[in-house]
Amino acid sequence: MGLETTRDTVPENLKSRLKESYDAIAERYTEWSTRTADIRVGYLERLLALLSPEHKDILEIGCGAGIPTTEKLLAHSPELRITANDLSSSQIVLGRRRLVGQGLVGPGPGGGGGDRVTWIEGDMMQLDFPAGSFDVVLGFYTIQHLPRDEQRVMIGRVARWLRPGGYLLINFPTEEDDNVVMTGWMGEKGWVYYSAWGAEKYRQIVKETGLEVIVDEVKQDNVKAEFLWIVGKKPGA
């Protein structure tokens, strides 16, 4: 079966279907992430150059198996503490195994993180943190897997979770689209959903959170799709 694309309403059991798909394609997706990491790494390195020693607590939504982000963060500084969230249990298992195998973390009581990485499996919309919990929030190729109304809510939440002087690094599809389902993505068991507001609307939504946009760039990624890359800073420090 080849790749099939449809557009309709938000599918029933959206989150469970996404989890099932990413669990099924976990190894293949992780291999792809490893081969196509250069743009993400470039923006992550630019962000790291902005951080001060006081910036220690980092949240990544849609972390996958931690490639390349969690790996790069752990190698960058022993002071960084990462909260890594993903819908897929298989991706998190791969991430734990990989980080321990590379010697970036010890096994720890939960396996694959010690006291430096906290893994949280589940829907990002179910995350709940006090305001001002993090110095950095990261979201690469993930927000588009939410329905558009949830995307707006999620962007507002992550801005609230930032401390004054903290940073959001996130990317968005540049083209507006809604309720797209792709079947046969990355193999027979691959099933993926995405929606997008488009670049101009995303700029507006980020600015409405009160973040100061310090990077606003459009880049074509490794599969020749354009994404808007945003770095926003929370005022107050």
C-alpha atoms as a PDB file:
ATOM      1  CA  MET A   1       0.000   0.000   0.000  1.00  0.00           C
ATOM      2  CA  GLY A   2       1.337   3.400  -0.954  1.00  0.00           C
ATOM      3  CA  LEU A   3       0.895   6.750   0.704  1.00  0.00           C
ATOM      4  CA  GLU A   4      -2.719   7.980   0.754  1.00  0.00           C
ATOM      5  CA  THR A   5      -3.783  11.489   1.820  1.00  0.00           C
ATOM      6  CA  THR A   6      -7.303  12.555   2.825  1.00  0.00           C
ATOM      7  CA  ARG A   7      -8.868  15.695   4.352  1.00  0.00           C
ATOM      8  CA  ASP A   8     -11.980  15.522   6.500  1.00  0.00           C
ATOM      9  CA  THR A   9     -12.914  16.218  10.136  1.00  0.00           C
ATOM     10  CA  VAL A  10     -10.743  15.494  13.178  1.00  0.00           C
ATOM     11  CA  PRO A  11     -10.552  11.667  13.324  1.00  0.00           C
ATOM     12  CA  GLU A  12     -12.078   9.797  16.223  1.00  0.00           C
ATOM     13  CA  ASN A  13      -9.532   8.479  18.723  1.00  0.00           C
ATOM     14  CA  LEU A  14      -6.924  10.793  17.193  1.00  0.00           C
ATOM     15  CA  LYS A  15      -4.385  10.563  20.000  1.00  0.00           C
ATOM     16  CA  SER A  16      -4.609   6.781  20.410  1.00  0.00           C
ATOM     17  CA  ARG A  17      -4.200   6.308  16.663  1.00  0.00           C
ATOM     18  CA  LEU A  18      -1.146   8.582  16.592  1.00  0.00           C
ATOM     19  CA  LYS A  19       0.373   6.704  19.529  1.00  0.00           C
ATOM     20  CA  GLU A  20      -0.247   3.349  17.825  1.00  0.00           C
ATOM     21  CA  SER A  21       1.356   4.604  14.633  1.00  0.00           C
ATOM     22  CA  TYR A  22       4.452   6.117  16.243  1.00  0.00           C
ATOM     23  CA  ASP A  23       4.894   2.998  18.361  1.00  0.00           C
ATOM     24  CA  ALA A  24       4.778   0.878  15.200  1.00  0.00           C
ATOM     25  CA  ILE A  25       7.274   3.008  13.244  1.00  0.00           C
ATOM     26  CA  ALA A  26       9.477   3.979  16.189  1.00  0.00           C
ATOM     27  CA  GLU A  27      12.747   2.524  14.925  1.00  0.00           C
ATOM     28  CA  ARG A  28      12.236   3.701  11.354  1.00  0.00           C
ATOM     29  CA  TYR A  29      11.289   7.205  12.501  1.00  0.00           C
ATOM     30  CA  THR A  30      14.300   7.354  14.823  1.00  0.00           C
ATOM     31  CA  GLU A  31      16.595   6.351  11.975  1.00  0.00           C
ATOM     32  CA  TRP A  32      15.074   9.083   9.800  1.00  0.00           C
ATOM     33  CA  SER A  33      15.464  11.644  12.600  1.00  0.00           C
ATOM     34  CA  THR A  34      19.130  10.764  12.894  1.00  0.00           C
ATOM     35  CA  ARG A  35      19.720  11.273   9.168  1.00  0.00           C
ATOM     36  CA  THR A  36      17.795  14.556   8.936  1.00  0.00           C
ATOM     37  CA  ALA A  37      18.898  16.334  12.094  1.00  0.00           C
ATOM     38  CA  ASP A  38      20.994  19.149  10.647  1.00  0.00           C
ATOM     39  CA  ILE A  39      18.366  21.929  10.619  1.00  0.00           C
ATOM     40  CA  ARG A  40      17.162  21.135  14.138  1.00  0.00           C
ATOM     41  CA  VAL A  41      20.719  20.977  15.421  1.00  0.00           C
ATOM     42  CA  GLY A  42      21.529  24.319  13.790  1.00  0.00           C
ATOM     43  CA  TYR A  43      18.647  26.103  15.518  1.00  0.00           C
ATOM     44  CA  LEU A  44      19.321  24.332  18.795  1.00  0.00           C
ATOM     45  CA  GLU A  45      22.947  25.483  18.733  1.00  0.00           C
ATOM     46  CA  ARG A  46      21.840  29.065  18.078  1.00  0.00           C
ATOM     47  CA  LEU A  47      19.504  28.843  21.051  1.00  0.00           C
ATOM     48  CA  LEU A  48      22.157  27.360  23.330  1.00  0.00           C
ATOM     49  CA  ALA A  49      24.407  30.318  22.510  1.00  0.00           C
ATOM     50  CA  LEU A  50      21.735  32.616  23.978  1.00  0.00           C
ATOM     51  CA  LEU A  51      21.461  30.800  27.300  1.00  0.00           C
ATOM     52  CA  SER A  52      23.096  31.900  30.519  1.00  0.00           C
ATOM     53  CA  PRO A  53      24.250  29.517  33.286  1.00  0.00           C
ATOM     54  CA  GLU A  54      20.945  30.190  35.078  1.00  0.00           C
ATOM     55  CA  HIS A  55      18.978  28.594  32.233  1.00  0.00           C
ATOM     56  CA  LYS A  56      18.875  24.976  33.389  1.00  0.00           C
ATOM     57  CA  ASP A  57      15.352  23.551  33.110  1.00  0.00           C
ATOM     58  CA  ILE A  58      14.201  22.516  29.636  1.00  0.00           C
ATOM     59  CA  LEU A  59      10.956  20.997  28.362  1.00  0.00           C
ATOM     60  CA  GLU A  60      10.702  19.315  24.981  1.00  0.00           C
ATOM     61  CA  ILE A  61       7.256  18.422  23.672  1.00  0.00           C
ATOM     62  CA  GLY A  62       7.237  15.664  21.076  1.00  0.00           C
ATOM     63  CA  CYS A  63      10.737  14.523  22.013  1.00  0.00           C
ATOM     64  CA  GLY A  64      10.628  11.202  20.151  1.00  0.00           C
ATOM     65  CA  ALA A  65      13.639   9.090  21.069  1.00  0.00           C
ATOM     66  CA  GLY A  66      15.665  12.148  22.047  1.00  0.00           C
ATOM     67  CA  ILE A  67      17.421  12.457  18.695  1.00  0.00           C
ATOM     68  CA  PRO A  68      19.026  14.857  18.243  1.00  0.00           C
ATOM     69  CA  THR A  69      17.721  17.236  20.912  1.00  0.00           C
ATOM     70  CA  THR A  70      18.090  15.427  24.224  1.00  0.00           C
ATOM     71  CA  GLU A  71      21.472  14.060  23.157  1.00  0.00           C
ATOM     72  CA  LYS A  72      22.766  17.526  22.282  1.00  0.00           C
ATOM     73  CA  LEU A  73      21.431  19.112  25.464  1.00  0.00           C
ATOM     74  CA  LEU A  74      22.989  16.486  27.729  1.00  0.00           C
ATOM     75  CA  ALA A  75      26.329  16.796  25.955  1.00  0.00           C
ATOM     76  CA  HIS A  76      26.206  20.606  26.080  1.00  0.00           C
ATOM     77  CA  SER A  77      26.227  21.014  29.852  1.00  0.00           C
ATOM     78  CA  PRO A  78      26.038  18.747  32.911  1.00  0.00           C
ATOM     79  CA  GLU A  79      23.846  21.392  34.564  1.00  0.00           C
ATOM     80  CA  LEU A  80      20.890  21.042  32.205  1.00  0.00           C
ATOM     81  CA  ARG A  81      17.779  19.181  33.369  1.00  0.00           C
ATOM     82  CA  ILE A  82      15.396  17.964  30.676  1.00  0.00           C
ATOM     83  CA  THR A  83      11.717  17.051  30.818  1.00  0.00           C
ATOM     84  CA  ALA A  84      11.007  15.029  27.680  1.00  0.00           C
ATOM     85  CA  ASN A  85       7.424  14.351  26.596  1.00  0.00           C
ATOM     86  CA  ASP A  86       6.161  12.105  23.827  1.00  0.00           C
ATOM     87  CA  LEU A  87       2.947  10.270  22.992  1.00  0.00           C
ATOM     88  CA  SER A  88       4.800   7.091  21.986  1.00  0.00           C
ATOM     89  CA  SER A  89       5.986   4.644  24.637  1.00  0.00           C
ATOM     90  CA  SER A  90       8.195   2.899  22.063  1.00  0.00           C
ATOM     91  CA  GLN A  91       9.983   6.163  21.238  1.00  0.00           C
ATOM     92  CA  ILE A  92      10.667   6.771  24.934  1.00  0.00           C
ATOM     93  CA  VAL A  93      12.012   3.231  25.398  1.00  0.00           C
ATOM     94  CA  LEU A  94      14.382   3.796  22.470  1.00  0.00           C
ATOM     95  CA  GLY A  95      15.448   7.139  23.915  1.00  0.00           C
ATOM     96  CA  ARG A  96      16.240   5.709  27.339  1.00  0.00           C
ATOM     97  CA  ARG A  97      18.232   2.855  25.821  1.00  0.00           C
ATOM     98  CA  ARG A  98      20.179   5.142  23.507  1.00  0.00           C
ATOM     99  CA  LEU A  99      21.137   7.716  26.146  1.00  0.00           C
ATOM    100  CA  VAL A 100      22.326   5.030  28.567  1.00  0.00           C
ATOM    101  CA  GLY A 101      24.230   3.259  25.780  1.00  0.00           C
ATOM    102  CA  GLN A 102      26.045   6.474  24.890  1.00  0.00           C
ATOM    103  CA  GLY A 103      26.951   7.089  28.520  1.00  0.00           C
ATOM    104  CA  LEU A 104      25.125  10.431  28.570  1.00  0.00           C
ATOM    105  CA  VAL A 105      23.069   9.362  31.600  1.00  0.00           C
ATOM    106  CA  GLY A 106      23.036   6.536  34.086  1.00  0.00           C
ATOM    107  CA  PRO A 107      20.162   4.051  34.224  1.00  0.00           C
ATOM    108  CA  GLY A 108      18.558   5.805  37.192  1.00  0.00           C
ATOM    109  CA  PRO A 109      15.583   4.381  39.102  1.00  0.00           C
ATOM    110  CA  GLY A 110      13.280   4.847  36.109  1.00  0.00           C
ATOM    111  CA  GLY A 111      15.856   3.803  33.539  1.00  0.00           C
ATOM    112  CA  GLY A 112      17.562   6.119  31.080  1.00  0.00           C
ATOM    113  CA  GLY A 113      17.774   9.499  32.681  1.00  0.00           C
ATOM    114  CA  GLY A 114      18.912   9.463  36.260  1.00  0.00           C
ATOM    115  CA  ASP A 115      18.177  12.868  37.719  1.00  0.00           C
ATOM    116  CA  ARG A 116      18.848  14.751  34.462  1.00  0.00           C
ATOM    117  CA  VAL A 117      16.051  13.485  32.204  1.00  0.00           C
ATOM    118  CA  THR A 118      12.423  13.093  33.237  1.00  0.00           C
ATOM    119  CA  TRP A 119      10.415  11.193  30.627  1.00  0.00           C
ATOM    120  CA  ILE A 120       6.672  11.826  30.439  1.00  0.00           C
ATOM    121  CA  GLU A 121       4.638   9.594  28.149  1.00  0.00           C
ATOM    122  CA  GLY A 122       1.319  10.940  26.920  1.00  0.00           C
ATOM    123  CA  ASP A 123      -0.616  13.607  25.066  1.00  0.00           C
ATOM    124  CA  MET A 124       1.085  17.004  25.374  1.00  0.00           C
ATOM    125  CA  MET A 125      -2.334  18.546  25.956  1.00  0.00           C
ATOM    126  CA  GLN A 126      -2.486  16.664  29.274  1.00  0.00           C
ATOM    127  CA  LEU A 127       0.756  18.210  30.573  1.00  0.00           C
ATOM    128  CA  ASP A 128       0.275  20.450  33.581  1.00  0.00           C
ATOM    129  CA  PHE A 129       3.050  22.559  35.106  1.00  0.00           C
ATOM    130  CA  PRO A 130       3.012  25.638  37.326  1.00  0.00           C
ATOM    131  CA  ALA A 131       3.688  28.958  35.619  1.00  0.00           C
ATOM    132  CA  GLY A 132       7.399  29.698  35.406  1.00  0.00           C
ATOM    133  CA  SER A 133       8.563  26.061  35.532  1.00  0.00           C
ATOM    134  CA  PHE A 134      11.055  26.136  32.634  1.00  0.00           C
ATOM    135  CA  ASP A 135      13.835  28.242  31.183  1.00  0.00           C
ATOM    136  CA  VAL A 136      13.411  26.759  27.696  1.00  0.00           C
ATOM    137  CA  VAL A 137      10.578  25.007  25.840  1.00  0.00           C
ATOM    138  CA  LEU A 138      11.311  23.163  22.581  1.00  0.00           C
ATOM    139  CA  GLY A 139       8.882  21.787  20.002  1.00  0.00           C
ATOM    140  CA  PHE A 140      10.190  20.387  16.706  1.00  0.00           C
ATOM    141  CA  TYR A 141       7.797  19.011  14.057  1.00  0.00           C
ATOM    142  CA  THR A 142       5.145  18.262  16.677  1.00  0.00           C
ATOM    143  CA  ILE A 143       2.540  21.012  17.130  1.00  0.00           C
ATOM    144  CA  GLN A 144       0.956  20.220  13.748  1.00  0.00           C
ATOM    145  CA  HIS A 145      -0.192  16.830  15.064  1.00  0.00           C
ATOM    146  CA  LEU A 146      -2.777  18.637  17.202  1.00  0.00           C
ATOM    147  CA  PRO A 147      -6.076  19.986  15.857  1.00  0.00           C
ATOM    148  CA  ARG A 148      -5.764  23.707  15.232  1.00  0.00           C
ATOM    149  CA  ASP A 149      -7.835  24.810  18.234  1.00  0.00           C
ATOM    150  CA  GLU A 150      -5.581  22.734  20.501  1.00  0.00           C
ATOM    151  CA  GLN A 151      -2.474  24.246  18.909  1.00  0.00           C
ATOM    152  CA  ARG A 152      -3.462  27.739  19.977  1.00  0.00           C
ATOM    153  CA  VAL A 153      -4.105  26.536  23.544  1.00  0.00           C
ATOM    154  CA  MET A 154      -0.793  24.666  23.665  1.00  0.00           C
ATOM    155  CA  ILE A 155       1.248  27.646  22.495  1.00  0.00           C
ATOM    156  CA  GLY A 156      -0.344  29.766  25.202  1.00  0.00           C
ATOM    157  CA  ARG A 157       0.444  27.157  27.836  1.00  0.00           C
ATOM    158  CA  VAL A 158       4.111  26.796  26.969  1.00  0.00           C
ATOM    159  CA  ALA A 159       4.517  30.572  27.090  1.00  0.00           C
ATOM    160  CA  ARG A 160       3.026  30.505  30.591  1.00  0.00           C
ATOM    161  CA  TRP A 161       5.352  27.713  31.664  1.00  0.00           C
ATOM    162  CA  LEU A 162       8.397  29.813  30.760  1.00  0.00           C
ATOM    163  CA  ARG A 163      10.201  31.839  33.400  1.00  0.00           C
ATOM    164  CA  PRO A 164      10.920  35.511  32.690  1.00  0.00           C
ATOM    165  CA  GLY A 165      13.905  35.592  30.349  1.00  0.00           C
ATOM    166  CA  GLY A 166      13.135  32.084  29.106  1.00  0.00           C
ATOM    167  CA  TYR A 167      13.001  30.977  25.471  1.00  0.00           C
ATOM    168  CA  LEU A 168      10.628  29.082  23.199  1.00  0.00           C
ATOM    169  CA  LEU A 169      12.125  27.397  20.114  1.00  0.00           C
ATOM    170  CA  ILE A 170       9.459  25.891  17.872  1.00  0.00           C
ATOM    171  CA  ASN A 171       8.684  25.290  14.222  1.00  0.00           C
ATOM    172  CA  PHE A 172       5.428  25.381  12.269  1.00  0.00           C
ATOM    173  CA  PRO A 173       4.286  24.446   8.748  1.00  0.00           C
ATOM    174  CA  THR A 174       4.149  27.567   6.584  1.00  0.00           C
ATOM    175  CA  GLU A 175       1.108  26.487   4.531  1.00  0.00           C
ATOM    176  CA  GLU A 176      -2.404  26.523   5.957  1.00  0.00           C
ATOM    177  CA  ASP A 177      -4.105  23.127   5.972  1.00  0.00           C
ATOM    178  CA  ASP A 178      -6.642  21.321   8.135  1.00  0.00           C
ATOM    179  CA  ASN A 179      -7.404  17.762   9.225  1.00  0.00           C
ATOM    180  CA  VAL A 180      -5.002  16.007   6.888  1.00  0.00           C
ATOM    181  CA  VAL A 181      -4.549  12.251   7.353  1.00  0.00           C
ATOM    182  CA  MET A 182      -1.729  10.352   5.678  1.00  0.00           C
ATOM    183  CA  THR A 183      -1.966   6.558   5.613  1.00  0.00           C
ATOM    184  CA  GLY A 184       1.077   4.479   4.736  1.00  0.00           C
ATOM    185  CA  TRP A 185       3.486   7.139   6.015  1.00  0.00           C
ATOM    186  CA  MET A 186       6.876   5.559   6.717  1.00  0.00           C
ATOM    187  CA  GLY A 187       5.529   2.107   5.961  1.00  0.00           C
ATOM    188  CA  GLU A 188       2.308   0.164   5.973  1.00  0.00           C
ATOM    189  CA  LYS A 189       1.560   0.806   9.669  1.00  0.00           C
ATOM    190  CA  GLY A 190       2.309   4.519   9.526  1.00  0.00           C
ATOM    191  CA  TRP A 191      -0.666   6.817  10.097  1.00  0.00           C
ATOM    192  CA  VAL A 192      -0.263  10.518  10.723  1.00  0.00           C
ATOM    193  CA  TYR A 193      -2.537  13.518  11.214  1.00  0.00           C
ATOM    194  CA  TYR A 194      -1.654  17.161  10.848  1.00  0.00           C
ATOM    195  CA  SER A 195      -3.260  20.583  10.724  1.00  0.00           C
ATOM    196  CA  ALA A 196      -1.691  23.997  10.282  1.00  0.00           C
ATOM    197  CA  TRP A 197      -2.671  27.650  10.607  1.00  0.00           C
ATOM    198  CA  GLY A 198       0.021  28.877   8.211  1.00  0.00           C
ATOM    199  CA  ALA A 199       2.982  31.156   8.851  1.00  0.00           C
ATOM    200  CA  GLU A 200       1.198  34.493   9.328  1.00  0.00           C
ATOM    201  CA  LYS A 201      -1.335  33.103  11.794  1.00  0.00           C
ATOM    202  CA  TYR A 202       1.381  31.335  13.779  1.00  0.00           C
ATOM    203  CA  ARG A 203       3.305  34.596  14.054  1.00  0.00           C
ATOM    204  CA  GLN A 204       0.174  36.260  15.393  1.00  0.00           C
ATOM    205  CA  ILE A 205      -0.536  33.477  17.907  1.00  0.00           C
ATOM    206  CA  VAL A 206       3.009  33.577  19.288  1.00  0.00           C
ATOM    207  CA  LYS A 207       2.969  37.366  19.622  1.00  0.00           C
ATOM    208  CA  GLU A 208      -0.394  37.202  21.413  1.00  0.00           C
ATOM    209  CA  THR A 209       1.251  35.163  24.182  1.00  0.00           C
ATOM    210  CA  GLY A 210       3.453  38.161  24.990  1.00  0.00           C
ATOM    211  CA  LEU A 211       6.692  36.564  23.829  1.00  0.00           C
ATOM    212  CA  GLU A 212       9.211  38.763  22.030  1.00  0.00           C
ATOM    213  CA  VAL A 213      10.054  37.135  18.696  1.00  0.00           C
ATOM    214  CA  ILE A 214      13.820  37.284  18.175  1.00  0.00           C
ATOM    215  CA  VAL A 215      14.143  34.714  15.366  1.00  0.00           C
ATOM    216  CA  ASP A 216      11.600  34.395  12.548  1.00  0.00           C
ATOM    217  CA  GLU A 217      12.859  32.381   9.577  1.00  0.00           C
ATOM    218  CA  VAL A 218      11.430  30.090   6.919  1.00  0.00           C
ATOM    219  CA  LYS A 219      13.514  27.081   5.955  1.00  0.00           C
ATOM    220  CA  GLN A 220      12.965  24.160   3.630  1.00  0.00           C
ATOM    221  CA  ASP A 221      13.602  20.928   5.469  1.00  0.00           C
ATOM    222  CA  ASN A 222      15.054  17.643   4.277  1.00  0.00           C
ATOM    223  CA  VAL A 223      11.778  16.471   2.722  1.00  0.00           C
ATOM    224  CA  LYS A 224      11.413  19.782   0.863  1.00  0.00           C
ATOM    225  CA  ALA A 225       8.609  21.127   3.060  1.00  0.00           C
ATOM    226  CA  GLU A 226       8.828  24.700   4.344  1.00  0.00           C
ATOM    227  CA  PHE A 227       8.671  25.402   8.063  1.00  0.00           C
ATOM    228  CA  LEU A 228       8.602  28.628  10.031  1.00  0.00           C
ATOM    229  CA  TRP A 229      11.216  28.625  12.799  1.00  0.00           C
ATOM    230  CA  ILE A 230      10.510  30.879  15.764  1.00  0.00           C
ATOM    231  CA  VAL A 231      12.552  31.776  18.830  1.00  0.00           C
ATOM    232  CA  GLY A 232      10.527  33.760  21.323  1.00  0.00           C
ATOM    233  CA  LYS A 233      11.789  35.272  24.572  1.00  0.00           C
ATOM    234  CA  LYS A 234       9.630  35.888  27.612  1.00  0.00           C
ATOM    235  CA  PRO A 235      10.081  39.466  28.866  1.00  0.00           C
ATOM    236  CA  GLY A 236      10.960  40.303  32.421  1.00  0.00           C
ATOM    237  CA  ALA A 237      14.586  39.373  32.974  1.00  0.00           C
END
